[in-house]
PDB file of N, CA and C in Angstrom:
ATOM      1  N   MET A   1     167.813 137.384 103.074  1.00  0.00           N
ATOM      2  CA  MET A   1     166.953 137.040 101.943  1.00  0.00           C
ATOM      3  C   MET A   1     166.729 135.522 101.944  1.00  0.00           C
ATOM      4  N   PRO A   2     165.494 135.068 101.816  1.00  0.00           N
ATOM      5  CA  PRO A   2     165.219 133.627 101.819  1.00  0.00           C
ATOM      6  C   PRO A   2     165.690 132.939 100.539  1.00  0.00           C
ATOM      7  N   ARG A   3     165.934 131.659 100.661  1.00  0.00           N
ATOM      8  CA  ARG A   3     166.347 130.831  99.514  1.00  0.00           C
ATOM      9  C   ARG A   3     165.139 130.583  98.615  1.00  0.00           C
ATOM     10  N   ARG A   4     165.334 130.693  97.301  1.00  0.00           N
ATOM     11  CA  ARG A   4     164.270 130.439  96.319  1.00  0.00           C
ATOM     12  C   ARG A   4     164.639 129.227  95.484  1.00  0.00           C
ATOM     13  N   LEU A   5     163.729 128.269  95.360  1.00  0.00           N
ATOM     14  CA  LEU A   5     163.955 127.078  94.549  1.00  0.00           C
ATOM     15  C   LEU A   5     163.241 127.243  93.217  1.00  0.00           C
ATOM     16  N   ILE A   6     163.933 126.966  92.121  1.00  0.00           N
ATOM     17  CA  ILE A   6     163.374 127.081  90.779  1.00  0.00           C
ATOM     18  C   ILE A   6     163.180 125.674  90.229  1.00  0.00           C
ATOM     19  N   SER A   7     161.961 125.367  89.818  1.00  0.00           N
ATOM     20  CA  SER A   7     161.618 124.028  89.346  1.00  0.00           C
ATOM     21  C   SER A   7     161.075 124.089  87.929  1.00  0.00           C
ATOM     22  N   THR A   8     161.258 122.990  87.179  1.00  0.00           N
ATOM     23  CA  THR A   8     160.690 122.911  85.828  1.00  0.00           C
ATOM     24  C   THR A   8     159.316 122.256  85.844  1.00  0.00           C
ATOM     25  N   GLY A   9     158.924 121.671  86.997  1.00  0.00           N
ATOM     26  CA  GLY A   9     157.635 120.997  87.091  1.00  0.00           C
ATOM     27  C   GLY A   9     157.709 119.515  86.756  1.00  0.00           C
ATOM     28  N   SER A  10     158.909 118.999  86.549  1.00  0.00           N
ATOM     29  CA  SER A  10     159.110 117.585  86.226  1.00  0.00           C
ATOM     30  C   SER A  10     158.701 116.703  87.412  1.00  0.00           C
ATOM     31  N   PRO A  11     158.056 115.546  87.148  1.00  0.00           N
ATOM     32  CA  PRO A  11     157.708 114.624  88.238  1.00  0.00           C
ATOM     33  C   PRO A  11     158.956 114.146  89.002  1.00  0.00           C
ATOM     34  N   PHE A  12     160.083 114.012  88.312  1.00  0.00           N
ATOM     35  CA  PHE A  12     161.332 113.588  88.951  1.00  0.00           C
ATOM     36  C   PHE A  12     161.747 114.565  90.049  1.00  0.00           C
ATOM     37  N   GLU A  13     161.583 115.849  89.808  1.00  0.00           N
ATOM     38  CA  GLU A  13     161.994 116.854  90.789  1.00  0.00           C
ATOM     39  C   GLU A  13     161.232 116.671  92.097  1.00  0.00           C
ATOM     40  N   LYS A  14     159.954 116.421  92.002  1.00  0.00           N
ATOM     41  CA  LYS A  14     159.134 116.243  93.201  1.00  0.00           C
ATOM     42  C   LYS A  14     159.518 114.955  93.931  1.00  0.00           C
ATOM     43  N   THR A  15     159.732 113.878  93.184  1.00  0.00           N
ATOM     44  CA  THR A  15     160.084 112.582  93.771  1.00  0.00           C
ATOM     45  C   THR A  15     161.444 112.627  94.462  1.00  0.00           C
ATOM     46  N   ALA A  16     162.423 113.230  93.817  1.00  0.00           N
ATOM     47  CA  ALA A  16     163.799 113.232  94.329  1.00  0.00           C
ATOM     48  C   ALA A  16     164.118 114.438  95.207  1.00  0.00           C
ATOM     49  N   GLY A  17     163.197 115.401  95.318  1.00  0.00           N
ATOM     50  CA  GLY A  17     163.484 116.613  96.074  1.00  0.00           C
ATOM     51  C   GLY A  17     164.538 117.467  95.393  1.00  0.00           C
ATOM     52  N   TYR A  18     164.506 117.474  94.078  1.00  0.00           N
ATOM     53  CA  TYR A  18     165.510 118.123  93.229  1.00  0.00           C
ATOM     54  C   TYR A  18     164.984 119.468  92.744  1.00  0.00           C
ATOM     55  N   SER A  19     165.841 120.451  92.643  1.00  0.00           N
ATOM     56  CA  SER A  19     165.484 121.746  92.060  1.00  0.00           C
ATOM     57  C   SER A  19     166.452 122.063  90.934  1.00  0.00           C
ATOM     58  N   ARG A  20     165.949 122.608  89.850  1.00  0.00           N
ATOM     59  CA  ARG A  20     166.782 122.965  88.697  1.00  0.00           C
ATOM     60  C   ARG A  20     167.773 124.061  89.067  1.00  0.00           C
ATOM     61  N   ALA A  21     167.323 125.008  89.877  1.00  0.00           N
ATOM     62  CA  ALA A  21     168.196 126.102  90.304  1.00  0.00           C
ATOM     63  C   ALA A  21     167.795 126.552  91.704  1.00  0.00           C
ATOM     64  N   VAL A  22     168.763 127.121  92.412  1.00  0.00           N
ATOM     65  CA  VAL A  22     168.524 127.670  93.741  1.00  0.00           C
ATOM     66  C   VAL A  22     169.093 129.080  93.760  1.00  0.00           C
ATOM     67  N   ILE A  23     168.272 130.032  94.168  1.00  0.00           N
ATOM     68  CA  ILE A  23     168.721 131.414  94.345  1.00  0.00           C
ATOM     69  C   ILE A  23     168.885 131.618  95.848  1.00  0.00           C
ATOM     70  N   ASP A  24     170.091 131.958  96.272  1.00  0.00           N
ATOM     71  CA  ASP A  24     170.372 132.158  97.693  1.00  0.00           C
ATOM     72  C   ASP A  24     171.145 133.459  97.851  1.00  0.00           C
ATOM     73  N   GLY A  25     170.449 134.492  98.276  1.00  0.00           N
ATOM     74  CA  GLY A  25     171.082 135.803  98.414  1.00  0.00           C
ATOM     75  C   GLY A  25     171.499 136.342  97.056  1.00  0.00           C
ATOM     76  N   ASP A  26     172.778 136.659  96.913  1.00  0.00           N
ATOM     77  CA  ASP A  26     173.312 137.189  95.656  1.00  0.00           C
ATOM     78  C   ASP A  26     173.807 136.093  94.719  1.00  0.00           C
ATOM     79  N   PHE A  27     173.607 134.830  95.096  1.00  0.00           N
ATOM     80  CA  PHE A  27     174.140 133.709  94.320  1.00  0.00           C
ATOM     81  C   PHE A  27     173.035 132.891  93.670  1.00  0.00           C
ATOM     82  N   ALA A  28     173.323 132.363  92.482  1.00  0.00           N
ATOM     83  CA  ALA A  28     172.421 131.443  91.782  1.00  0.00           C
ATOM     84  C   ALA A  28     173.202 130.169  91.486  1.00  0.00           C
ATOM     85  N   PHE A  29     172.648 129.040  91.918  1.00  0.00           N
ATOM     86  CA  PHE A  29     173.263 127.730  91.686  1.00  0.00           C
ATOM     87  C   PHE A  29     172.361 126.971  90.725  1.00  0.00           C
ATOM     88  N   VAL A  30     172.905 126.565  89.573  1.00  0.00           N
ATOM     89  CA  VAL A  30     172.114 125.911  88.529  1.00  0.00           C
ATOM     90  C   VAL A  30     172.652 124.504  88.299  1.00  0.00           C
ATOM     91  N   ALA A  31     171.749 123.520  88.270  1.00  0.00           N
ATOM     92  CA  ALA A  31     172.131 122.126  88.012  1.00  0.00           C
ATOM     93  C   ALA A  31     172.129 121.864  86.511  1.00  0.00           C
ATOM     94  N   GLY A  32     173.097 121.069  86.083  1.00  0.00           N
ATOM     95  CA  GLY A  32     173.145 120.660  84.676  1.00  0.00           C
ATOM     96  C   GLY A  32     173.821 121.671  83.865  1.00  0.00           C
TER      97      GLY A  32
END
């Protein structure tokens, strides 16, 4: 299963290459 990046659409996310959450297989990794 491919990795899915979840973004809020913030300009900071695009500039820093940051994602609010990452879904990877059966796991979800959430920042903050």
